Amino acid sequence: MSDGNFPEQKPFGRVNRRTAAYGGESKDWWRTSRRKFIIGGAVAGVGALAVAGGGLYWLLKDDTSEVNHDSLDLQKKHGWNIGSEEKTISLPNAQTKDSLGTENWKKYLDQNAMLAAWTPKAPNWAPYFVPTLIQSLQFETLRKVMTPVFTPDMQEAYERAQSIARDFLANAQNAADTAIVVDVPGRDSVAFGAGMADSGRLIAGFDNFPHPLGVVPSHETLGALLYYTGEIETKQAQVKDTAPAVFLLDSKRLSEYKDEETQFDNRFLAKLPSAQKLREAGIKSILYITPDRARSEELDDLNEDFVAFKDQGLSVAVLPLSDFTPVSETVAQKQADGTTQTQVVRHYYYGGNPLGHTWFFYSYPFYSPYPSYVQRYPTYSRPPSPPPVSAPRYLPAPRPTMFSGTRIGGSASGVGRSKPSGFGRTTVRVSPSGSVVGTRPGRSGYYSPSRSGSFGRSGSSSGG
């Protein structure tokens, strides 16, 4: 069943065995491409000798086999851009400086520097940090094309996170009791984390590599990491021990996968602690952050987790970021010379109304405000009626998905899920010795020693 945003995924294996007409050629991608290369090249050059010696038979003999492999494993072994080495990635709103206005982002092209910045300092949360996307920087060819990314959507996510952190978490006496799960597009998730980096313990969960034909545009998430990591590292070094856990996910991890000829399946699964592990860490509630009210429930790969949260006594609520809308305000700011200057600033308010901002604590009652907050805002005891906005009605309920029953080690272990059949996998050709000699995505990925864009260089595991 779909989660409301993403259509049903088709089993990968069913497509692999299809042999329909394709552009006037056989769907048998390996044999067609290989024979065209051999007949057009080898036979033209040494045809007489090959035929006379019976060599043509051996040239045409196909002793390889088609195998379906985990996409990430292939990328780790053979390169992030396996089969598409001649293609490039597109980075929207590429920047030359980071969020602090410096070029210090370049040091984070070193995966070790970025891993050090993102590894949680709290021992109880460190096991749930997923370093995979950052580790893709091991490849020099990826480092050469990566730059910071910054978009208007990222700015909105950043400012909304600041509003939540400054106006609510800072005024909640039990903020650490609630874990925040941010499930928005990857680059916006990173921006949200940056806006909350001085108020929460960030735990990244980006578990894939970029690819030029990737279904998931994780190169954009990596660009956002380059843009914000300097700021995040500084803030995280000063965050309080009582700060809540903030899990950053990429909602595009389950993007629709349509065509193995033109797409590389780099989809991945979210990884969260089990309900038992969360309870052991003192968590009592889960705040699930979505982009807007178009999504009424958690994504499919989180369904069993969220049902388990509810069944084991954890409160779960949905907070759409679109419930925070901007209001332009004129504020007076004191200058260095002692004078006062007014300027117009943008502030995001829950429900878009400064008077109704305190309604947040009514919508999400598992947060308890400090008495000083209540005294500071008279509207807290008599909030606007009707409220400007309220929490979406939501209760985790089991539903069949392609991820049902894929948990490893039982519901209490917190060790994640296995990928279902046909998810995050790529078809390759292997020789009798086990070496990969061809890959399917992009149509041009057939074996040919004369083509650098093919997988003709397979068998190595270089970092480039």
Protein backbone atom coordinates (compact mmCIF):
# COMPACT_ATOMS: atom_id res chain seq x y z
CA MET A 1 0.00 0.00 0.00
CA SER A 2 1.21 3.52 -0.72
CA ASP A 3 1.89 5.95 2.09
CA GLY A 4 -0.13 8.70 0.43
CA ASN A 5 2.87 10.36 -1.21
CA PHE A 6 4.64 7.58 -3.04
CA PRO A 7 3.06 5.02 -5.39
CA GLU A 8 3.48 1.33 -5.00
CA GLN A 9 6.98 0.15 -5.91
CA LYS A 10 7.27 -2.55 -8.58
CA PRO A 11 9.37 -5.61 -7.75
CA PHE A 12 12.77 -5.19 -9.37
CA GLY A 13 13.23 -8.79 -10.38
CA ARG A 14 10.08 -8.83 -12.46
CA VAL A 15 11.49 -6.14 -14.68
CA ASN A 16 14.89 -7.80 -15.05
CA ARG A 17 13.43 -10.80 -16.80
CA ARG A 18 11.37 -8.80 -19.26
CA THR A 19 12.38 -9.16 -22.94
CA ALA A 20 10.16 -6.73 -24.82
CA ALA A 21 11.07 -4.64 -27.85
CA TYR A 22 13.07 -1.54 -26.97
CA GLY A 23 13.99 1.05 -29.57
CA GLY A 24 14.14 -1.60 -32.27
CA GLU A 25 16.53 -3.65 -30.16
CA SER A 26 16.09 -6.63 -27.92
CA LYS A 27 15.45 -5.97 -24.23
CA ASP A 28 18.32 -8.38 -23.63
CA TRP A 29 20.51 -5.36 -22.90
CA TRP A 30 23.77 -7.26 -22.42
CA ARG A 31 23.72 -9.50 -25.50
CA THR A 32 22.47 -6.77 -27.84
CA SER A 33 25.06 -4.25 -26.75
CA ARG A 34 27.89 -6.74 -26.59
CA ARG A 35 27.26 -8.19 -30.03
CA LYS A 36 26.90 -4.79 -31.65
CA PHE A 37 30.26 -3.81 -30.21
CA ILE A 38 31.92 -7.05 -31.25
CA ILE A 39 30.43 -7.25 -34.73
CA GLY A 40 30.87 -3.54 -35.42
CA GLY A 41 34.42 -3.39 -34.13
CA ALA A 42 36.23 -6.69 -33.80
CA VAL A 43 34.69 -8.34 -36.86
CA ALA A 44 35.29 -5.26 -39.03
CA GLY A 45 38.93 -5.18 -38.01
CA VAL A 46 39.85 -8.84 -37.78
CA GLY A 47 36.79 -10.46 -39.23
CA ALA A 48 38.57 -12.69 -41.73
CA LEU A 49 41.00 -14.01 -39.15
CA ALA A 50 38.29 -14.53 -36.54
CA VAL A 51 36.00 -16.42 -38.89
CA ALA A 52 38.79 -18.49 -40.38
CA GLY A 53 39.99 -19.58 -36.97
CA GLY A 54 36.60 -20.07 -35.47
CA GLY A 55 37.33 -17.10 -33.19
CA LEU A 56 34.04 -15.42 -34.00
CA TYR A 57 32.20 -18.10 -32.05
CA TRP A 58 34.27 -17.43 -28.98
CA LEU A 59 33.87 -13.67 -29.37
CA LEU A 60 30.09 -14.03 -29.50
CA LYS A 61 29.95 -16.60 -26.72
CA ASP A 62 28.32 -15.03 -23.63
CA ASP A 63 29.64 -16.68 -20.48
CA THR A 64 28.49 -13.93 -18.11
CA SER A 65 25.43 -14.00 -15.89
CA GLU A 66 22.96 -11.38 -14.73
CA VAL A 67 22.94 -10.74 -10.97
CA ASN A 68 20.88 -8.40 -8.81
CA HIS A 69 23.05 -6.65 -6.18
CA ASP A 70 22.50 -4.19 -3.37
CA SER A 71 23.09 -0.75 -4.95
CA LEU A 72 25.00 0.70 -2.01
CA ASP A 73 27.33 -2.30 -1.85
CA LEU A 74 28.08 -1.87 -5.55
CA GLN A 75 28.85 1.82 -5.09
CA LYS A 76 31.10 1.19 -2.12
CA LYS A 77 33.11 -1.35 -4.08
CA HIS A 78 33.15 0.13 -7.58
CA GLY A 79 32.48 3.86 -7.18
CA TRP A 80 29.63 6.21 -6.33
CA ASN A 81 28.83 6.79 -10.04
CA ILE A 82 29.02 3.14 -11.12
CA GLY A 83 27.95 2.72 -14.75
CA SER A 84 27.50 6.48 -15.28
CA GLU A 85 31.03 7.80 -15.03
CA GLU A 86 30.52 10.16 -17.98
CA LYS A 87 27.45 11.76 -16.42
CA THR A 88 27.44 14.53 -13.84
CA ILE A 89 25.22 15.74 -11.01
CA SER A 90 23.18 18.93 -10.90
CA LEU A 91 23.39 21.06 -7.75
CA PRO A 92 20.56 23.62 -7.46
CA ASN A 93 21.56 27.02 -6.05
CA ALA A 94 25.22 26.05 -5.71
CA GLN A 95 27.22 28.33 -3.43
CA THR A 96 30.86 29.30 -3.06
CA LYS A 97 30.57 30.10 0.65
CA ASP A 98 28.94 28.35 3.60
CA SER A 99 26.26 29.54 6.04
CA LEU A 100 28.88 31.50 7.99
CA GLY A 101 30.02 33.32 4.85
CA THR A 102 33.35 31.51 4.68
CA GLU A 103 35.09 28.95 2.49
CA ASN A 104 35.74 26.69 5.47
CA TRP A 105 33.25 24.25 3.92
CA LYS A 106 36.13 22.93 1.84
CA LYS A 107 37.67 21.23 4.86
CA TYR A 108 34.49 19.16 5.22
CA LEU A 109 35.13 17.59 1.83
CA ASP A 110 37.38 15.40 3.95
CA GLN A 111 34.98 12.75 5.18
CA ASN A 112 36.87 12.45 8.46
CA ALA A 113 36.36 16.14 9.24
CA MET A 114 32.64 15.98 8.47
CA LEU A 115 32.19 12.72 10.37
CA ALA A 116 33.84 14.29 13.43
CA ALA A 117 31.45 17.25 13.19
CA TRP A 118 28.33 15.07 12.92
CA THR A 119 29.09 12.20 15.31
CA PRO A 120 26.81 12.71 18.34
CA LYS A 121 28.70 13.60 21.50
CA ALA A 122 26.13 11.87 23.71
CA PRO A 123 27.06 8.16 24.01
CA ASN A 124 23.43 7.02 24.16
CA TRP A 125 22.66 8.56 20.74
CA ALA A 126 25.93 7.86 18.91
CA PRO A 127 24.90 4.30 17.85
CA TYR A 128 21.99 5.71 15.83
CA PHE A 129 24.06 8.13 13.73
CA VAL A 130 24.15 6.92 10.11
CA PRO A 131 27.42 8.05 8.45
CA THR A 132 26.80 6.58 4.98
CA LEU A 133 26.16 9.73 2.95
CA ILE A 134 29.17 11.48 4.46
CA GLN A 135 31.34 8.45 3.69
CA SER A 136 30.60 8.89 -0.03
CA LEU A 137 33.17 11.72 0.08
CA GLN A 138 35.86 9.03 0.04
CA PHE A 139 35.63 9.24 -3.76
CA GLU A 140 37.78 11.96 -5.27
CA THR A 141 35.55 12.21 -8.34
CA LEU A 142 32.64 13.15 -6.07
CA ARG A 143 34.65 15.63 -4.02
CA LYS A 144 35.67 17.43 -7.20
CA VAL A 145 32.07 18.20 -8.21
CA MET A 146 30.55 18.93 -4.79
CA THR A 147 29.81 22.47 -3.57
CA PRO A 148 27.52 23.87 -0.88
CA VAL A 149 23.82 24.14 -1.70
CA PHE A 150 21.40 26.73 -0.34
CA THR A 151 17.80 27.20 -1.50
CA PRO A 152 14.81 29.31 -0.37
CA ASP A 153 13.15 26.15 0.98
CA MET A 154 16.20 25.51 3.13
CA GLN A 155 15.98 29.05 4.51
CA GLU A 156 12.34 28.48 5.47
CA ALA A 157 13.16 25.18 7.18
CA TYR A 158 16.00 26.87 9.07
CA GLU A 159 13.85 29.74 10.33
CA ARG A 160 10.97 27.48 11.32
CA ALA A 161 13.37 25.32 13.31
CA GLN A 162 14.69 28.43 15.05
CA SER A 163 11.16 29.40 16.02
CA ILE A 164 10.44 25.96 17.49
CA ALA A 165 13.74 25.95 19.37
CA ARG A 166 13.65 29.53 20.63
CA ASP A 167 9.96 29.90 21.43
CA PHE A 168 9.00 26.42 22.62
CA LEU A 169 11.86 24.05 23.42
CA ALA A 170 13.66 26.78 25.37
CA ASN A 171 10.49 27.39 27.37
CA ALA A 172 9.57 23.72 27.97
CA GLN A 173 10.80 22.33 31.25
CA ASN A 174 10.67 18.77 29.90
CA ALA A 175 11.97 19.26 26.34
CA ALA A 176 14.37 16.31 26.63
CA ASP A 177 11.46 13.91 27.17
CA THR A 178 10.41 14.24 23.51
CA ALA A 179 12.40 12.97 20.54
CA ILE A 180 11.92 14.97 17.34
CA VAL A 181 11.86 13.05 14.04
CA VAL A 182 12.30 15.38 11.06
CA ASP A 183 11.01 13.70 7.89
CA VAL A 184 11.28 16.29 5.12
CA PRO A 185 13.39 16.42 1.91
CA GLY A 186 17.03 15.82 2.76
CA ARG A 187 18.46 19.28 2.13
CA ASP A 188 15.60 20.86 4.14
CA SER A 189 16.17 18.34 6.92
CA VAL A 190 19.81 19.45 7.18
CA ALA A 191 18.71 23.11 7.23
CA PHE A 192 16.17 22.35 9.97
CA GLY A 193 18.93 20.67 11.97
CA ALA A 194 21.12 23.75 11.58
CA GLY A 195 18.33 25.98 12.88
CA MET A 196 17.97 23.73 15.93
CA ALA A 197 21.64 22.85 16.42
CA ASP A 198 22.02 24.93 19.58
CA SER A 199 18.89 23.42 21.15
CA GLY A 200 18.92 19.72 20.19
CA ARG A 201 21.27 16.79 19.70
CA LEU A 202 21.32 16.14 15.97
CA ILE A 203 21.38 12.53 14.72
CA ALA A 204 21.67 12.24 10.92
CA GLY A 205 20.06 9.26 9.19
CA PHE A 206 21.08 9.56 5.52
CA ASP A 207 21.89 5.98 4.49
CA ASN A 208 22.84 6.09 0.81
CA PHE A 209 25.35 7.40 -1.74
CA PRO A 210 24.60 9.95 -4.47
CA HIS A 211 24.48 8.76 -8.09
CA PRO A 212 24.12 10.74 -11.36
CA LEU A 213 20.94 8.77 -12.12
CA GLY A 214 19.88 8.31 -8.52
CA VAL A 215 16.19 8.08 -7.67
CA VAL A 216 17.01 9.92 -4.44
CA PRO A 217 18.78 13.29 -5.01
CA SER A 218 21.11 12.75 -2.08
CA HIS A 219 23.82 14.89 -3.70
CA GLU A 220 21.61 17.85 -2.78
CA THR A 221 21.56 16.67 0.84
CA LEU A 222 25.34 16.38 0.73
CA GLY A 223 25.53 19.94 -0.62
CA ALA A 224 23.38 21.12 2.29
CA LEU A 225 25.74 19.34 4.68
CA LEU A 226 28.67 21.26 3.18
CA TYR A 227 26.74 24.52 3.55
CA TYR A 228 25.77 24.09 7.22
CA THR A 229 28.33 21.78 8.86
CA GLY A 230 30.63 24.57 10.05
CA GLU A 231 27.76 26.29 11.83
CA ILE A 232 26.38 23.02 13.17
CA GLU A 233 29.73 21.88 14.57
CA THR A 234 30.12 25.13 16.52
CA LYS A 235 26.59 24.98 17.94
CA GLN A 236 26.69 21.28 18.80
CA ALA A 237 29.85 21.76 20.85
CA GLN A 238 27.88 24.06 23.17
CA VAL A 239 24.51 22.28 23.31
CA LYS A 240 23.25 21.34 26.77
CA ASP A 241 23.23 17.77 28.03
CA THR A 242 19.47 18.07 28.53
CA ALA A 243 18.83 18.94 24.88
CA PRO A 244 16.31 16.68 23.08
CA ALA A 245 17.30 14.19 20.39
CA VAL A 246 16.57 15.37 16.83
CA PHE A 247 16.61 12.63 14.16
CA LEU A 248 17.13 13.99 10.64
CA LEU A 249 15.64 11.89 7.82
CA ASP A 250 15.22 12.38 4.07
CA SER A 251 11.58 11.99 3.02
CA LYS A 252 12.72 11.37 -0.57
CA ARG A 253 14.29 8.05 0.43
CA LEU A 254 11.18 6.25 -0.88
CA SER A 255 10.89 8.21 -4.13
CA GLU A 256 9.10 6.48 -6.99
CA TYR A 257 11.30 4.10 -8.95
CA LYS A 258 9.96 3.68 -12.49
CA ASP A 259 12.59 2.66 -15.02
CA GLU A 260 15.76 0.68 -14.41
CA GLU A 261 17.02 1.77 -17.84
CA THR A 262 17.20 5.44 -16.81
CA GLN A 263 17.30 5.38 -12.99
CA PHE A 264 19.70 4.06 -10.38
CA ASP A 265 17.93 2.65 -7.33
CA ASN A 266 19.66 4.36 -4.41
CA ARG A 267 16.58 4.29 -2.18
CA PHE A 268 17.10 3.47 1.48
CA LEU A 269 15.25 2.90 4.75
CA ALA A 270 14.94 5.16 7.78
CA LYS A 271 16.64 3.91 10.94
CA LEU A 272 15.27 4.85 14.35
CA PRO A 273 15.80 3.38 17.82
CA SER A 274 13.20 0.89 18.97
CA ALA A 275 10.52 1.93 21.43
CA GLN A 276 12.38 0.09 24.17
CA LYS A 277 15.63 1.93 23.43
CA LEU A 278 13.84 5.27 23.40
CA ARG A 279 12.19 4.54 26.73
CA GLU A 280 15.55 3.55 28.19
CA ALA A 281 16.87 6.96 27.08
CA GLY A 282 14.05 8.69 28.96
CA ILE A 283 11.91 9.48 25.90
CA LYS A 284 8.17 9.67 26.55
CA SER A 285 6.90 11.26 23.32
CA ILE A 286 7.68 11.49 19.61
CA LEU A 287 7.14 14.68 17.58
CA TYR A 288 7.03 13.71 13.88
CA ILE A 289 7.74 16.71 11.66
CA THR A 290 6.39 16.70 8.09
CA PRO A 291 6.58 19.34 5.33
CA ASP A 292 2.86 20.16 5.35
CA ARG A 293 -0.62 18.76 5.96
CA ALA A 294 -0.66 16.85 2.66
CA ARG A 295 0.91 13.95 4.53
CA SER A 296 -1.48 12.58 7.12
CA GLU A 297 0.62 9.68 8.40
CA GLU A 298 4.17 8.43 8.71
CA LEU A 299 5.96 7.10 5.62
CA ASP A 300 5.63 3.38 4.94
CA ASP A 301 9.02 2.30 6.28
CA LEU A 302 8.19 3.87 9.66
CA ASN A 303 4.73 2.37 10.09
CA GLU A 304 5.69 -0.62 12.22
CA ASP A 305 8.06 1.50 14.29
CA PHE A 306 5.41 4.09 15.06
CA VAL A 307 2.81 1.48 15.90
CA ALA A 308 5.32 -0.04 18.31
CA PHE A 309 5.92 3.40 19.84
CA LYS A 310 2.20 3.76 20.52
CA ASP A 311 1.79 0.20 21.80
CA GLN A 312 4.63 0.69 24.28
CA GLY A 313 3.20 3.86 25.73
CA LEU A 314 4.98 6.58 23.77
CA SER A 315 2.85 9.53 22.64
CA VAL A 316 3.20 10.26 18.92
CA ALA A 317 2.08 13.52 17.28
CA VAL A 318 2.49 15.09 13.85
CA LEU A 319 3.71 18.68 13.40
CA PRO A 320 3.51 20.04 9.82
CA LEU A 321 6.14 22.74 9.26
CA SER A 322 3.61 24.67 7.19
CA ASP A 323 1.75 25.40 10.44
CA PHE A 324 4.49 27.94 11.09
CA THR A 325 3.87 30.93 8.82
CA PRO A 326 5.93 34.12 8.54
CA VAL A 327 5.01 37.51 9.94
CA SER A 328 7.02 40.64 9.13
CA GLU A 329 7.72 42.73 12.22
CA THR A 330 9.51 45.99 12.87
CA VAL A 331 12.04 45.73 15.67
CA ALA A 332 14.47 48.16 17.24
CA GLN A 333 18.07 47.07 17.50
CA LYS A 334 20.79 48.85 19.44
CA GLN A 335 23.86 49.69 17.38
CA ALA A 336 27.52 49.66 18.44
CA ASP A 337 27.57 53.46 18.69
CA GLY A 338 24.70 53.44 21.15
CA THR A 339 22.01 54.53 18.72
CA THR A 340 18.88 52.54 17.97
CA GLN A 341 17.90 51.48 14.49
CA THR A 342 14.67 49.87 13.39
CA GLN A 343 14.45 47.16 10.79
CA VAL A 344 11.87 44.75 9.45
CA VAL A 345 12.49 41.11 10.31
CA ARG A 346 10.62 37.93 9.51
CA HIS A 347 9.44 35.68 12.34
CA TYR A 348 7.62 32.37 11.97
CA TYR A 349 4.67 31.98 14.30
CA TYR A 350 2.64 28.86 15.05
CA GLY A 351 -0.61 29.57 13.24
CA GLY A 352 0.84 32.78 11.81
CA ASN A 353 -0.36 34.88 14.73
CA PRO A 354 1.79 36.31 17.56
CA LEU A 355 -1.22 36.30 19.88
CA GLY A 356 -1.96 32.65 19.17
CA HIS A 357 1.65 31.51 19.29
CA THR A 358 1.21 30.09 22.79
CA TRP A 359 -1.43 27.70 21.45
CA PHE A 360 1.43 25.38 20.55
CA PHE A 361 1.53 24.11 24.14
CA TYR A 362 -2.17 23.26 23.92
CA SER A 363 -1.75 21.47 20.59
CA TYR A 364 1.20 19.44 21.93
CA PRO A 365 0.47 19.06 25.64
CA PHE A 366 3.36 16.66 26.30
CA TYR A 367 5.48 19.84 26.45
CA SER A 368 5.09 21.61 29.81
CA PRO A 369 6.06 25.30 29.78
CA TYR A 370 8.00 26.87 32.63
CA PRO A 371 5.84 28.94 35.04
CA SER A 372 7.85 31.99 33.99
CA TYR A 373 6.67 31.50 30.40
CA VAL A 374 3.04 31.41 31.50
CA GLN A 375 3.51 34.61 33.51
CA ARG A 376 5.31 36.33 30.64
CA TYR A 377 2.49 35.67 28.17
CA PRO A 378 -0.96 36.62 29.53
CA THR A 379 -2.52 35.07 26.43
CA TYR A 380 -1.35 31.64 27.62
CA SER A 381 -4.15 31.38 30.22
CA ARG A 382 -6.72 32.72 27.72
CA PRO A 383 -5.56 31.74 24.23
CA PRO A 384 -7.58 32.81 21.17
CA SER A 385 -10.76 30.88 20.49
CA PRO A 386 -11.07 29.28 18.05
CA PRO A 387 -7.37 28.42 17.90
CA PRO A 388 -5.47 29.63 14.82
CA VAL A 389 -4.30 26.06 14.21
CA SER A 390 -4.39 22.69 15.93
CA ALA A 391 -2.43 19.47 15.76
CA PRO A 392 -3.54 17.08 12.98
CA ARG A 393 -5.58 14.12 14.13
CA TYR A 394 -3.21 11.20 14.09
CA LEU A 395 -2.88 7.82 15.70
CA PRO A 396 -0.38 5.23 14.41
CA ALA A 397 -2.25 2.26 12.95
CA PRO A 398 -0.83 -0.87 11.29
CA ARG A 399 -1.18 -1.15 7.53
CA PRO A 400 0.35 -3.50 4.96
CA THR A 401 3.39 -2.06 3.20
CA MET A 402 6.29 -3.49 1.21
CA PHE A 403 8.32 -3.11 4.42
CA SER A 404 6.02 -5.15 6.65
CA GLY A 405 7.86 -7.84 8.56
CA THR A 406 11.35 -6.73 7.54
CA ARG A 407 12.63 -5.87 11.01
CA ILE A 408 15.89 -7.56 11.97
CA GLY A 409 16.22 -9.07 15.41
CA GLY A 410 12.74 -8.39 16.75
CA SER A 411 10.93 -5.25 17.83
CA ALA A 412 13.05 -4.51 20.90
CA SER A 413 16.55 -4.73 19.48
CA GLY A 414 16.63 -1.44 17.62
CA VAL A 415 18.93 -2.74 14.88
CA GLY A 416 16.83 -1.66 11.92
CA ARG A 417 15.23 -3.41 8.96
CA SER A 418 16.31 -5.44 5.98
CA LYS A 419 15.53 -4.13 2.51
CA PRO A 420 12.57 -5.85 0.88
CA SER A 421 12.94 -7.61 -2.45
CA GLY A 422 13.35 -5.16 -5.32
CA PHE A 423 14.30 -2.18 -3.15
CA GLY A 424 17.67 -0.40 -3.41
CA ARG A 425 19.09 -2.93 -5.86
CA THR A 426 20.78 -2.79 -9.27
CA THR A 427 21.27 -5.40 -12.01
CA VAL A 428 24.85 -6.11 -13.13
CA ARG A 429 26.66 -8.59 -15.35
CA VAL A 430 29.35 -10.74 -13.75
CA SER A 431 32.03 -12.89 -15.33
CA PRO A 432 32.64 -16.53 -14.34
CA SER A 433 35.35 -15.26 -11.98
CA GLY A 434 32.81 -13.07 -10.19
CA SER A 435 34.00 -9.70 -11.55
CA VAL A 436 31.35 -7.13 -12.50
CA VAL A 437 31.63 -6.35 -16.23
CA GLY A 438 28.42 -4.42 -16.94
CA THR A 439 25.66 -2.46 -15.28
CA ARG A 440 22.19 -1.61 -16.46
CA PRO A 441 21.24 1.97 -15.49
CA GLY A 442 21.42 4.73 -18.07
CA ARG A 443 21.32 2.51 -21.19
CA SER A 444 24.98 3.34 -21.87
CA GLY A 445 26.25 1.16 -19.07
CA TYR A 446 27.05 -1.89 -21.18
CA TYR A 447 30.52 -3.33 -21.32
CA SER A 448 32.89 -1.86 -23.87
CA PRO A 449 36.63 -1.38 -23.29
CA SER A 450 36.52 1.65 -25.59
CA ARG A 451 33.93 3.49 -23.49
CA SER A 452 34.95 5.21 -20.26
CA GLY A 453 31.29 5.73 -19.39
CA SER A 454 30.59 2.04 -19.24
CA PHE A 455 31.53 -0.30 -16.48
CA GLY A 456 34.39 -1.73 -18.51
CA ARG A 457 36.81 -0.83 -15.72
CA SER A 458 35.01 -3.02 -13.21
CA GLY A 459 36.82 -5.30 -10.88
CA SER A 460 38.73 -2.50 -9.20
CA SER A 461 37.65 -0.74 -6.02
CA SER A 462 39.45 2.56 -6.38
CA GLY A 463 38.41 5.66 -4.51
CA GLY A 464 37.99 7.75 -7.64
